Amino acid sequence: MNQPHPGKPNGGGHSPAMEADCALQLHRELREMLSEATGLHGAFADNIAAGLLGKLRERYGGERLYVPMPERAVEERNAAMRALWRGDNVIELVRKFRVSRATVYRVCKSRG
């Protein structure tokens, strides 16, 4: 059973109804991804998604989970950032690409 995060009521201050809605949405997302990735549909995909969701909630319930972008997407983002780099538009790139100033400088100075 998913235990609330220590010091955080209901796993982070969300109402039980909100947590149920989030769990349902994540279940739907997992089922859809399983269908896309494996071709599984219906009860098969639903059961696997439910199992994965249960394990995710046990292991990471109440926590923020970082999922890195695919390497190709990072490379494309970095190329787009370099193409727009003028040297005086760091804040513009930070906002557009939702990255830190340090990331903008690292990417744009590498030119690679």
PDB file of N, CA and C in Angstrom:
ATOM      1  N   MET A   1       0.837  -1.185   0.000  1.00  0.00           N
ATOM      2  CA  MET A   1       0.000   0.000   0.000  1.00  0.00           C
ATOM      3  C   MET A   1       0.879   1.244   0.000  1.00  0.00           C
ATOM      4  N   ASN A   2       0.479   2.256  -0.726  1.00  0.00           N
ATOM      5  CA  ASN A   2       1.234   3.488  -0.813  1.00  0.00           C
ATOM      6  C   ASN A   2       1.101   4.270   0.481  1.00  0.00           C
ATOM      7  N   GLN A   3       2.225   4.521   1.133  1.00  0.00           N
ATOM      8  CA  GLN A   3       2.232   5.287   2.375  1.00  0.00           C
ATOM      9  C   GLN A   3       2.473   6.754   2.048  1.00  0.00           C
ATOM     10  N   PRO A   4       1.834   7.670   2.784  1.00  0.00           N
ATOM     11  CA  PRO A   4       2.107   9.099   2.554  1.00  0.00           C
ATOM     12  C   PRO A   4       3.564   9.414   2.810  1.00  0.00           C
ATOM     13  N   HIS A   5       4.060  10.410   2.105  1.00  0.00           N
ATOM     14  CA  HIS A   5       5.428  10.858   2.280  1.00  0.00           C
ATOM     15  C   HIS A   5       5.572  11.400   3.697  1.00  0.00           C
ATOM     16  N   PRO A   6       6.663  11.037   4.395  1.00  0.00           N
ATOM     17  CA  PRO A   6       6.843  11.530   5.763  1.00  0.00           C
ATOM     18  C   PRO A   6       6.776  13.054   5.814  1.00  0.00           C
ATOM     19  N   GLY A   7       5.975  13.566   6.716  1.00  0.00           N
ATOM     20  CA  GLY A   7       5.868  15.004   6.897  1.00  0.00           C
ATOM     21  C   GLY A   7       4.964  15.689   5.895  1.00  0.00           C
ATOM     22  N   LYS A   8       4.385  14.933   4.991  1.00  0.00           N
ATOM     23  CA  LYS A   8       3.495  15.512   3.991  1.00  0.00           C
ATOM     24  C   LYS A   8       2.167  14.772   4.038  1.00  0.00           C
ATOM     25  N   PRO A   9       1.098  15.408   4.498  1.00  0.00           N
ATOM     26  CA  PRO A   9      -0.190  14.725   4.545  1.00  0.00           C
ATOM     27  C   PRO A   9      -0.636  14.320   3.154  1.00  0.00           C
ATOM     28  N   ASN A  10      -1.206  13.144   3.052  1.00  0.00           N
ATOM     29  CA  ASN A  10      -1.701  12.626   1.770  1.00  0.00           C
ATOM     30  C   ASN A  10      -0.636  12.610   0.690  1.00  0.00           C
ATOM     31  N   GLY A  11       0.609  12.343   1.073  1.00  0.00           N
ATOM     32  CA  GLY A  11       1.673  12.213   0.075  1.00  0.00           C
ATOM     33  C   GLY A  11       2.087  13.503  -0.555  1.00  0.00           C
ATOM     34  N   GLY A  12       1.789  14.634   0.033  1.00  0.00           N
ATOM     35  CA  GLY A  12       2.251  15.892  -0.534  1.00  0.00           C
ATOM     36  C   GLY A  12       1.231  16.994  -0.435  1.00  0.00           C
ATOM     37  N   GLY A  13       0.204  16.807   0.376  1.00  0.00           N
ATOM     38  CA  GLY A  13      -0.759  17.857   0.595  1.00  0.00           C
ATOM     39  C   GLY A  13      -1.925  17.857  -0.372  1.00  0.00           C
ATOM     40  N   HIS A  14      -2.034  16.860  -1.223  1.00  0.00           N
ATOM     41  CA  HIS A  14      -3.147  16.792  -2.167  1.00  0.00           C
ATOM     42  C   HIS A  14      -4.308  16.044  -1.530  1.00  0.00           C
ATOM     43  N   SER A  15      -5.495  16.403  -1.926  1.00  0.00           N
ATOM     44  CA  SER A  15      -6.671  15.701  -1.412  1.00  0.00           C
ATOM     45  C   SER A  15      -6.703  14.279  -1.961  1.00  0.00           C
ATOM     46  N   PRO A  16      -7.373  13.366  -1.258  1.00  0.00           N
ATOM     47  CA  PRO A  16      -7.496  11.999  -1.779  1.00  0.00           C
ATOM     48  C   PRO A  16      -8.125  11.957  -3.171  1.00  0.00           C
ATOM     49  N   ALA A  17      -9.083  12.838  -3.433  1.00  0.00           N
ATOM     50  CA  ALA A  17      -9.716  12.869  -4.760  1.00  0.00           C
ATOM     51  C   ALA A  17      -8.712  13.295  -5.831  1.00  0.00           C
ATOM     52  N   MET A  18      -7.881  14.273  -5.511  1.00  0.00           N
ATOM     53  CA  MET A  18      -6.878  14.730  -6.479  1.00  0.00           C
ATOM     54  C   MET A  18      -5.855  13.627  -6.729  1.00  0.00           C
ATOM     55  N   GLU A  19      -5.438  12.927  -5.669  1.00  0.00           N
ATOM     56  CA  GLU A  19      -4.494  11.829  -5.839  1.00  0.00           C
ATOM     57  C   GLU A  19      -5.094  10.726  -6.709  1.00  0.00           C
ATOM     58  N   ALA A  20      -6.382  10.436  -6.504  1.00  0.00           N
ATOM     59  CA  ALA A  20      -7.051   9.412  -7.324  1.00  0.00           C
ATOM     60  C   ALA A  20      -7.100   9.844  -8.782  1.00  0.00           C
ATOM     61  N   ASP A  21      -7.385  11.129  -9.034  1.00  0.00           N
ATOM     62  CA  ASP A  21      -7.413  11.643 -10.403  1.00  0.00           C
ATOM     63  C   ASP A  21      -6.039  11.542 -11.056  1.00  0.00           C
ATOM     64  N   CYS A  22      -4.998  11.885 -10.304  1.00  0.00           N
ATOM     65  CA  CYS A  22      -3.628  11.805 -10.835  1.00  0.00           C
ATOM     66  C   CYS A  22      -3.258  10.359 -11.143  1.00  0.00           C
ATOM     67  N   ALA A  23      -3.623   9.450 -10.243  1.00  0.00           N
ATOM     68  CA  ALA A  23      -3.322   8.031 -10.458  1.00  0.00           C
ATOM     69  C   ALA A  23      -4.054   7.514 -11.691  1.00  0.00           C
ATOM     70  N   LEU A  24      -5.301   7.904 -11.860  1.00  0.00           N
ATOM     71  CA  LEU A  24      -6.079   7.470 -13.020  1.00  0.00           C
ATOM     72  C   LEU A  24      -5.461   7.997 -14.314  1.00  0.00           C
ATOM     73  N   GLN A  25      -5.051   9.260 -14.305  1.00  0.00           N
ATOM     74  CA  GLN A  25      -4.428   9.840 -15.499  1.00  0.00           C
ATOM     75  C   GLN A  25      -3.116   9.137 -15.824  1.00  0.00           C
ATOM     76  N   LEU A  26      -2.303   8.864 -14.802  1.00  0.00           N
ATOM     77  CA  LEU A  26      -1.039   8.172 -15.031  1.00  0.00           C
ATOM     78  C   LEU A  26      -1.286   6.757 -15.542  1.00  0.00           C
ATOM     79  N   HIS A  27      -2.296   6.087 -15.028  1.00  0.00           N
ATOM     80  CA  HIS A  27      -2.651   4.751 -15.507  1.00  0.00           C
ATOM     81  C   HIS A  27      -3.003   4.799 -16.998  1.00  0.00           C
ATOM     82  N   ARG A  28      -3.796   5.779 -17.383  1.00  0.00           N
ATOM     83  CA  ARG A  28      -4.167   5.930 -18.807  1.00  0.00           C
ATOM     84  C   ARG A  28      -2.936   6.180 -19.673  1.00  0.00           C
ATOM     85  N   GLU A  29      -2.033   7.042 -19.188  1.00  0.00           N
ATOM     86  CA  GLU A  29      -0.807   7.337 -19.940  1.00  0.00           C
ATOM     87  C   GLU A  29       0.043   6.081 -20.104  1.00  0.00           C
ATOM     88  N   LEU A  30       0.216   5.324 -19.017  1.00  0.00           N
ATOM     89  CA  LEU A  30       1.009   4.091 -19.085  1.00  0.00           C
ATOM     90  C   LEU A  30       0.387   3.088 -20.051  1.00  0.00           C
ATOM     91  N   ARG A  31      -0.935   2.934 -19.995  1.00  0.00           N
ATOM     92  CA  ARG A  31      -1.623   2.003 -20.892  1.00  0.00           C
ATOM     93  C   ARG A  31      -1.428   2.423 -22.346  1.00  0.00           C
ATOM     94  N   GLU A  32      -1.530   3.714 -22.620  1.00  0.00           N
ATOM     95  CA  GLU A  32      -1.350   4.215 -23.985  1.00  0.00           C
ATOM     96  C   GLU A  32       0.090   3.987 -24.459  1.00  0.00           C
ATOM     97  N   MET A  33       1.063   4.247 -23.577  1.00  0.00           N
ATOM     98  CA  MET A  33       2.467   4.037 -23.948  1.00  0.00           C
ATOM     99  C   MET A  33       2.750   2.558 -24.204  1.00  0.00           C
ATOM    100  N   LEU A  34       2.182   1.691 -23.395  1.00  0.00           N
ATOM    101  CA  LEU A  34       2.353   0.252 -23.620  1.00  0.00           C
ATOM    102  C   LEU A  34       1.792  -0.154 -24.976  1.00  0.00           C
ATOM    103  N   SER A  35       0.628   0.375 -25.310  1.00  0.00           N
ATOM    104  CA  SER A  35       0.018   0.057 -26.603  1.00  0.00           C
ATOM    105  C   SER A  35       0.896   0.527 -27.756  1.00  0.00           C
ATOM    106  N   GLU A  36       1.422   1.758 -27.628  1.00  0.00           N
ATOM    107  CA  GLU A  36       2.279   2.303 -28.685  1.00  0.00           C
ATOM    108  C   GLU A  36       3.591   1.531 -28.803  1.00  0.00           C
ATOM    109  N   ALA A  37       4.180   1.192 -27.671  1.00  0.00           N
ATOM    110  CA  ALA A  37       5.516   0.576 -27.675  1.00  0.00           C
ATOM    111  C   ALA A  37       5.489  -0.908 -27.994  1.00  0.00           C
ATOM    112  N   THR A  38       4.417  -1.609 -27.604  1.00  0.00           N
ATOM    113  CA  THR A  38       4.421  -3.069 -27.722  1.00  0.00           C
ATOM    114  C   THR A  38       3.304  -3.629 -28.581  1.00  0.00           C
ATOM    115  N   GLY A  39       2.297  -2.812 -28.863  1.00  0.00           N
ATOM    116  CA  GLY A  39       1.147  -3.308 -29.604  1.00  0.00           C
ATOM    117  C   GLY A  39       0.125  -4.004 -28.720  1.00  0.00           C
ATOM    118  N   LEU A  40       0.379  -4.049 -27.412  1.00  0.00           N
ATOM    119  CA  LEU A  40      -0.590  -4.655 -26.491  1.00  0.00           C
ATOM    120  C   LEU A  40      -1.791  -3.726 -26.328  1.00  0.00           C
ATOM    121  N   HIS A  41      -2.962  -4.316 -26.261  1.00  0.00           N
ATOM    122  CA  HIS A  41      -4.185  -3.525 -26.112  1.00  0.00           C
ATOM    123  C   HIS A  41      -5.094  -4.182 -25.095  1.00  0.00           C
ATOM    124  N   GLY A  42      -6.166  -3.483 -24.786  1.00  0.00           N
ATOM    125  CA  GLY A  42      -7.210  -4.035 -23.937  1.00  0.00           C
ATOM    126  C   GLY A  42      -6.729  -4.429 -22.565  1.00  0.00           C
ATOM    127  N   ALA A  43      -7.228  -5.592 -22.101  1.00  0.00           N
ATOM    128  CA  ALA A  43      -6.955  -6.054 -20.741  1.00  0.00           C
ATOM    129  C   ALA A  43      -5.463  -6.290 -20.506  1.00  0.00           C
ATOM    130  N   PHE A  44      -4.736  -6.746 -21.529  1.00  0.00           N
ATOM    131  CA  PHE A  44      -3.299  -6.979 -21.353  1.00  0.00           C
ATOM    132  C   PHE A  44      -2.586  -5.681 -20.983  1.00  0.00           C
ATOM    133  N   ALA A  45      -2.777  -4.664 -21.791  1.00  0.00           N
ATOM    134  CA  ALA A  45      -2.136  -3.373 -21.535  1.00  0.00           C
ATOM    135  C   ALA A  45      -2.641  -2.783 -20.221  1.00  0.00           C
ATOM    136  N   ASP A  46      -3.914  -2.930 -19.953  1.00  0.00           N
ATOM    137  CA  ASP A  46      -4.507  -2.378 -18.736  1.00  0.00           C
ATOM    138  C   ASP A  46      -3.902  -3.026 -17.492  1.00  0.00           C
ATOM    139  N   ASN A  47      -3.755  -4.340 -17.494  1.00  0.00           N
ATOM    140  CA  ASN A  47      -3.198  -5.047 -16.340  1.00  0.00           C
ATOM    141  C   ASN A  47      -1.729  -4.697 -16.112  1.00  0.00           C
ATOM    142  N   ILE A  48      -0.965  -4.610 -17.182  1.00  0.00           N
ATOM    143  CA  ILE A  48       0.449  -4.259 -17.049  1.00  0.00           C
ATOM    144  C   ILE A  48       0.579  -2.821 -16.552  1.00  0.00           C
ATOM    145  N   ALA A  49      -0.220  -1.918 -17.113  1.00  0.00           N
ATOM    146  CA  ALA A  49      -0.192  -0.522 -16.674  1.00  0.00           C
ATOM    147  C   ALA A  49      -0.551  -0.411 -15.200  1.00  0.00           C
ATOM    148  N   ALA A  50      -1.548  -1.170 -14.758  1.00  0.00           N
ATOM    149  CA  ALA A  50      -1.938  -1.136 -13.348  1.00  0.00           C
ATOM    150  C   ALA A  50      -0.810  -1.646 -12.461  1.00  0.00           C
ATOM    151  N   GLY A  51      -0.126  -2.694 -12.892  1.00  0.00           N
ATOM    152  CA  GLY A  51       1.003  -3.217 -12.132  1.00  0.00           C
ATOM    153  C   GLY A  51       2.150  -2.229 -12.049  1.00  0.00           C
ATOM    154  N   LEU A  52       2.472  -1.614 -13.187  1.00  0.00           N
ATOM    155  CA  LEU A  52       3.535  -0.607 -13.198  1.00  0.00           C
ATOM    156  C   LEU A  52       3.176   0.581 -12.318  1.00  0.00           C
ATOM    157  N   LEU A  53       1.954   1.031 -12.411  1.00  0.00           N
ATOM    158  CA  LEU A  53       1.514   2.159 -11.597  1.00  0.00           C
ATOM    159  C   LEU A  53       1.626   1.834 -10.114  1.00  0.00           C
ATOM    160  N   GLY A  54       1.225   0.639  -9.734  1.00  0.00           N
ATOM    161  CA  GLY A  54       1.332   0.232  -8.339  1.00  0.00           C
ATOM    162  C   GLY A  54       2.772   0.266  -7.855  1.00  0.00           C
ATOM    163  N   LYS A  55       3.690  -0.249  -8.663  1.00  0.00           N
ATOM    164  CA  LYS A  55       5.103  -0.250  -8.298  1.00  0.00           C
ATOM    165  C   LYS A  55       5.684   1.164  -8.260  1.00  0.00           C
ATOM    166  N   LEU A  56       5.294   2.004  -9.212  1.00  0.00           N
ATOM    167  CA  LEU A  56       5.740   3.396  -9.202  1.00  0.00           C
ATOM    168  C   LEU A  56       5.270   4.103  -7.934  1.00  0.00           C
ATOM    169  N   ARG A  57       4.026   3.867  -7.549  1.00  0.00           N
ATOM    170  CA  ARG A  57       3.490   4.505  -6.344  1.00  0.00           C
ATOM    171  C   ARG A  57       4.191   3.998  -5.094  1.00  0.00           C
ATOM    172  N   GLU A  58       4.496   2.697  -5.041  1.00  0.00           N
ATOM    173  CA  GLU A  58       5.209   2.145  -3.887  1.00  0.00           C
ATOM    174  C   GLU A  58       6.606   2.746  -3.773  1.00  0.00           C
ATOM    175  N   ARG A  59       7.294   2.817  -4.895  1.00  0.00           N
ATOM    176  CA  ARG A  59       8.695   3.222  -4.875  1.00  0.00           C
ATOM    177  C   ARG A  59       8.881   4.732  -4.838  1.00  0.00           C
ATOM    178  N   TYR A  60       8.036   5.477  -5.565  1.00  0.00           N
ATOM    179  CA  TYR A  60       8.248   6.913  -5.718  1.00  0.00           C
ATOM    180  C   TYR A  60       7.078   7.764  -5.254  1.00  0.00           C
ATOM    181  N   GLY A  61       6.073   7.178  -4.613  1.00  0.00           N
ATOM    182  CA  GLY A  61       4.883   7.914  -4.210  1.00  0.00           C
ATOM    183  C   GLY A  61       5.211   9.165  -3.415  1.00  0.00           C
ATOM    184  N   GLY A  62       4.654  10.293  -3.810  1.00  0.00           N
ATOM    185  CA  GLY A  62       4.868  11.551  -3.125  1.00  0.00           C
ATOM    186  C   GLY A  62       6.129  12.284  -3.529  1.00  0.00           C
ATOM    187  N   GLU A  63       6.941  11.690  -4.386  1.00  0.00           N
ATOM    188  CA  GLU A  63       8.203  12.295  -4.810  1.00  0.00           C
ATOM    189  C   GLU A  63       8.055  12.880  -6.208  1.00  0.00           C
ATOM    190  N   ARG A  64       8.937  13.811  -6.525  1.00  0.00           N
ATOM    191  CA  ARG A  64       9.044  14.298  -7.903  1.00  0.00           C
ATOM    192  C   ARG A  64      10.006  13.360  -8.615  1.00  0.00           C
ATOM    193  N   LEU A  65       9.674  12.995  -9.821  1.00  0.00           N
ATOM    194  CA  LEU A  65      10.493  12.057 -10.572  1.00  0.00           C
ATOM    195  C   LEU A  65      10.955  12.732 -11.853  1.00  0.00           C
ATOM    196  N   TYR A  66      12.264  12.843 -12.033  1.00  0.00           N
ATOM    197  CA  TYR A  66      12.825  13.456 -13.230  1.00  0.00           C
ATOM    198  C   TYR A  66      12.979  12.389 -14.310  1.00  0.00           C
ATOM    199  N   VAL A  67      12.454  12.673 -15.494  1.00  0.00           N
ATOM    200  CA  VAL A  67      12.590  11.770 -16.628  1.00  0.00           C
ATOM    201  C   VAL A  67      13.357  12.542 -17.706  1.00  0.00           C
ATOM    202  N   PRO A  68      14.602  12.145 -17.978  1.00  0.00           N
ATOM    203  CA  PRO A  68      15.398  12.880 -18.960  1.00  0.00           C
ATOM    204  C   PRO A  68      14.813  12.777 -20.369  1.00  0.00           C
ATOM    205  N   MET A  69      15.083  13.805 -21.154  1.00  0.00           N
ATOM    206  CA  MET A  69      14.668  13.811 -22.553  1.00  0.00           C
ATOM    207  C   MET A  69      15.482  12.785 -23.322  1.00  0.00           C
ATOM    208  N   PRO A  70      14.939  12.229 -24.409  1.00  0.00           N
ATOM    209  CA  PRO A  70      15.752  11.357 -25.259  1.00  0.00           C
ATOM    210  C   PRO A  70      16.942  12.143 -25.814  1.00  0.00           C
ATOM    211  N   GLU A  71      18.058  11.473 -25.994  1.00  0.00           N
ATOM    212  CA  GLU A  71      19.287  12.133 -26.439  1.00  0.00           C
ATOM    213  C   GLU A  71      19.076  12.911 -27.740  1.00  0.00           C
ATOM    214  N   ARG A  72      18.314  12.343 -28.648  1.00  0.00           N
ATOM    215  CA  ARG A  72      18.068  13.023 -29.930  1.00  0.00           C
ATOM    216  C   ARG A  72      17.351  14.351 -29.710  1.00  0.00           C
ATOM    217  N   ALA A  73      16.387  14.372 -28.790  1.00  0.00           N
ATOM    218  CA  ALA A  73      15.656  15.607 -28.499  1.00  0.00           C
ATOM    219  C   ALA A  73      16.583  16.649 -27.886  1.00  0.00           C
ATOM    220  N   VAL A  74      17.507  16.211 -27.037  1.00  0.00           N
ATOM    221  CA  VAL A  74      18.477  17.132 -26.439  1.00  0.00           C
ATOM    222  C   VAL A  74      19.359  17.729 -27.529  1.00  0.00           C
ATOM    223  N   GLU A  75      19.830  16.892 -28.437  1.00  0.00           N
ATOM    224  CA  GLU A  75      20.681  17.370 -29.529  1.00  0.00           C
ATOM    225  C   GLU A  75      19.941  18.369 -30.410  1.00  0.00           C
ATOM    226  N   GLU A  76      18.671  18.091 -30.705  1.00  0.00           N
ATOM    227  CA  GLU A  76      17.869  19.008 -31.526  1.00  0.00           C
ATOM    228  C   GLU A  76      17.636  20.326 -30.801  1.00  0.00           C
ATOM    229  N   ARG A  77      17.320  20.248 -29.490  1.00  0.00           N
ATOM    230  CA  ARG A  77      17.125  21.459 -28.695  1.00  0.00           C
ATOM    231  C   ARG A  77      18.400  22.283 -28.676  1.00  0.00           C
ATOM    232  N   ASN A  78      19.539  21.624 -28.459  1.00  0.00           N
ATOM    233  CA  ASN A  78      20.809  22.340 -28.396  1.00  0.00           C
ATOM    234  C   ASN A  78      21.147  23.001 -29.730  1.00  0.00           C
ATOM    235  N   ALA A  79      20.882  22.322 -30.831  1.00  0.00           N
ATOM    236  CA  ALA A  79      21.137  22.903 -32.156  1.00  0.00           C
ATOM    237  C   ALA A  79      20.247  24.126 -32.382  1.00  0.00           C
ATOM    238  N   ALA A  80      18.992  24.040 -31.974  1.00  0.00           N
ATOM    239  CA  ALA A  80      18.074  25.176 -32.118  1.00  0.00           C
ATOM    240  C   ALA A  80      18.531  26.344 -31.244  1.00  0.00           C
ATOM    241  N   MET A  81      19.001  26.032 -30.042  1.00  0.00           N
ATOM    242  CA  MET A  81      19.484  27.066 -29.132  1.00  0.00           C
ATOM    243  C   MET A  81      20.703  27.776 -29.730  1.00  0.00           C
ATOM    244  N   ARG A  82      21.638  26.989 -30.274  1.00  0.00           N
ATOM    245  CA  ARG A  82      22.834  27.577 -30.889  1.00  0.00           C
ATOM    246  C   ARG A  82      22.472  28.470 -32.081  1.00  0.00           C
ATOM    247  N   ALA A  83      21.471  28.048 -32.849  1.00  0.00           N
ATOM    248  CA  ALA A  83      21.071  28.816 -34.032  1.00  0.00           C
ATOM    249  C   ALA A  83      20.502  30.181 -33.644  1.00  0.00           C
ATOM    250  N   LEU A  84      19.874  30.260 -32.473  1.00  0.00           N
ATOM    251  CA  LEU A  84      19.271  31.513 -32.019  1.00  0.00           C
ATOM    252  C   LEU A  84      20.214  32.374 -31.185  1.00  0.00           C
ATOM    253  N   TRP A  85      21.339  31.827 -30.779  1.00  0.00           N
ATOM    254  CA  TRP A  85      22.288  32.510 -29.889  1.00  0.00           C
ATOM    255  C   TRP A  85      22.872  33.746 -30.561  1.00  0.00           C
ATOM    256  N   ARG A  86      22.770  34.895 -29.857  1.00  0.00           N
ATOM    257  CA  ARG A  86      23.366  36.145 -30.330  1.00  0.00           C
ATOM    258  C   ARG A  86      24.393  36.687 -29.340  1.00  0.00           C
ATOM    259  N   GLY A  87      24.416  36.100 -28.157  1.00  0.00           N
ATOM    260  CA  GLY A  87      25.330  36.580 -27.129  1.00  0.00           C
ATOM    261  C   GLY A  87      24.678  37.507 -26.129  1.00  0.00           C
ATOM    262  N   ASP A  88      23.589  38.163 -26.541  1.00  0.00           N
ATOM    263  CA  ASP A  88      22.905  39.090 -25.643  1.00  0.00           C
ATOM    264  C   ASP A  88      21.463  38.645 -25.346  1.00  0.00           C
ATOM    265  N   ASN A  89      21.143  37.417 -25.687  1.00  0.00           N
ATOM    266  CA  ASN A  89      19.761  36.946 -25.539  1.00  0.00           C
ATOM    267  C   ASN A  89      19.632  35.725 -24.630  1.00  0.00           C
ATOM    268  N   VAL A  90      20.458  35.683 -23.584  1.00  0.00           N
ATOM    269  CA  VAL A  90      20.455  34.530 -22.680  1.00  0.00           C
ATOM    270  C   VAL A  90      19.079  34.341 -22.048  1.00  0.00           C
ATOM    271  N   ILE A  91      18.498  35.409 -21.526  1.00  0.00           N
ATOM    272  CA  ILE A  91      17.196  35.304 -20.843  1.00  0.00           C
ATOM    273  C   ILE A  91      16.120  34.813 -21.814  1.00  0.00           C
ATOM    274  N   GLU A  92      16.152  35.307 -23.028  1.00  0.00           N
ATOM    275  CA  GLU A  92      15.200  34.858 -24.052  1.00  0.00           C
ATOM    276  C   GLU A  92      15.310  33.346 -24.265  1.00  0.00           C
ATOM    277  N   LEU A  93      16.531  32.825 -24.352  1.00  0.00           N
ATOM    278  CA  LEU A  93      16.729  31.392 -24.567  1.00  0.00           C
ATOM    279  C   LEU A  93      16.359  30.579 -23.329  1.00  0.00           C
ATOM    280  N   VAL A  94      16.635  31.113 -22.149  1.00  0.00           N
ATOM    281  CA  VAL A  94      16.236  30.449 -20.903  1.00  0.00           C
ATOM    282  C   VAL A  94      14.730  30.229 -20.901  1.00  0.00           C
ATOM    283  N   ARG A  95      13.990  31.263 -21.244  1.00  0.00           N
ATOM    284  CA  ARG A  95      12.520  31.175 -21.257  1.00  0.00           C
ATOM    285  C   ARG A  95      12.014  30.270 -22.377  1.00  0.00           C
ATOM    286  N   LYS A  96      12.566  30.421 -23.553  1.00  0.00           N
ATOM    287  CA  LYS A  96      12.098  29.642 -24.701  1.00  0.00           C
ATOM    288  C   LYS A  96      12.322  28.144 -24.516  1.00  0.00           C
ATOM    289  N   PHE A  97      13.507  27.774 -24.017  1.00  0.00           N
ATOM    290  CA  PHE A  97      13.861  26.357 -23.915  1.00  0.00           C
ATOM    291  C   PHE A  97      13.693  25.792 -22.504  1.00  0.00           C
ATOM    292  N   ARG A  98      13.290  26.655 -21.562  1.00  0.00           N
ATOM    293  CA  ARG A  98      13.045  26.239 -20.183  1.00  0.00           C
ATOM    294  C   ARG A  98      14.253  25.517 -19.583  1.00  0.00           C
ATOM    295  N   VAL A  99      15.397  26.186 -19.688  1.00  0.00           N
ATOM    296  CA  VAL A  99      16.651  25.668 -19.142  1.00  0.00           C
ATOM    297  C   VAL A  99      17.283  26.767 -18.294  1.00  0.00           C
ATOM    298  N   SER A 100      18.348  26.426 -17.587  1.00  0.00           N
ATOM    299  CA  SER A 100      19.053  27.406 -16.766  1.00  0.00           C
ATOM    300  C   SER A 100      19.996  28.260 -17.624  1.00  0.00           C
ATOM    301  N   ARG A 101      20.404  29.376 -17.042  1.00  0.00           N
ATOM    302  CA  ARG A 101      21.396  30.224 -17.721  1.00  0.00           C
ATOM    303  C   ARG A 101      22.682  29.437 -17.974  1.00  0.00           C
ATOM    304  N   ALA A 102      23.076  28.640 -16.988  1.00  0.00           N
ATOM    305  CA  ALA A 102      24.303  27.846 -17.134  1.00  0.00           C
ATOM    306  C   ALA A 102      24.198  26.900 -18.320  1.00  0.00           C
ATOM    307  N   THR A 103      23.016  26.310 -18.519  1.00  0.00           N
ATOM    308  CA  THR A 103      22.821  25.401 -19.658  1.00  0.00           C
ATOM    309  C   THR A 103      22.944  26.162 -20.969  1.00  0.00           C
ATOM    310  N   VAL A 104      22.339  27.349 -21.051  1.00  0.00           N
ATOM    311  CA  VAL A 104      22.434  28.147 -22.274  1.00  0.00           C
ATOM    312  C   VAL A 104      23.898  28.438 -22.585  1.00  0.00           C
ATOM    313  N   TYR A 105      24.645  28.903 -21.592  1.00  0.00           N
ATOM    314  CA  TYR A 105      26.055  29.218 -21.832  1.00  0.00           C
ATOM    315  C   TYR A 105      26.849  27.964 -22.214  1.00  0.00           C
ATOM    316  N   ARG A 106      26.624  26.863 -21.511  1.00  0.00           N
ATOM    317  CA  ARG A 106      27.362  25.628 -21.806  1.00  0.00           C
ATOM    318  C   ARG A 106      27.097  25.178 -23.239  1.00  0.00           C
ATOM    319  N   VAL A 107      25.829  25.157 -23.631  1.00  0.00           N
ATOM    320  CA  VAL A 107      25.445  24.693 -24.964  1.00  0.00           C
ATOM    321  C   VAL A 107      25.945  25.642 -26.043  1.00  0.00           C
ATOM    322  N   CYS A 108      25.735  26.931 -25.851  1.00  0.00           N
ATOM    323  CA  CYS A 108      26.060  27.880 -26.908  1.00  0.00           C
ATOM    324  C   CYS A 108      27.555  28.157 -27.024  1.00  0.00           C
ATOM    325  N   LYS A 109      28.273  27.988 -25.959  1.00  0.00           N
ATOM    326  CA  LYS A 109      29.736  28.191 -26.033  1.00  0.00           C
ATOM    327  C   LYS A 109      30.415  26.984 -26.657  1.00  0.00           C
ATOM    328  N   SER A 110      29.775  25.792 -26.565  1.00  0.00           N
ATOM    329  CA  SER A 110      30.404  24.568 -27.108  1.00  0.00           C
ATOM    330  C   SER A 110      30.359  24.554 -28.619  1.00  0.00           C
ATOM    331  N   ARG A 111      29.333  25.153 -29.214  1.00  0.00           N
ATOM    332  CA  ARG A 111      29.191  25.220 -30.681  1.00  0.00           C
ATOM    333  C   ARG A 111      29.350  23.859 -31.345  1.00  0.00           C
ATOM    334  N   GLY A 112      28.969  22.815 -30.637  1.00  0.00           N
ATOM    335  CA  GLY A 112      29.260  21.536 -31.170  1.00  0.00           C
ATOM    336  C   GLY A 112      28.236  20.605 -31.497  1.00  0.00           C
TER     337      GLY A 112
END
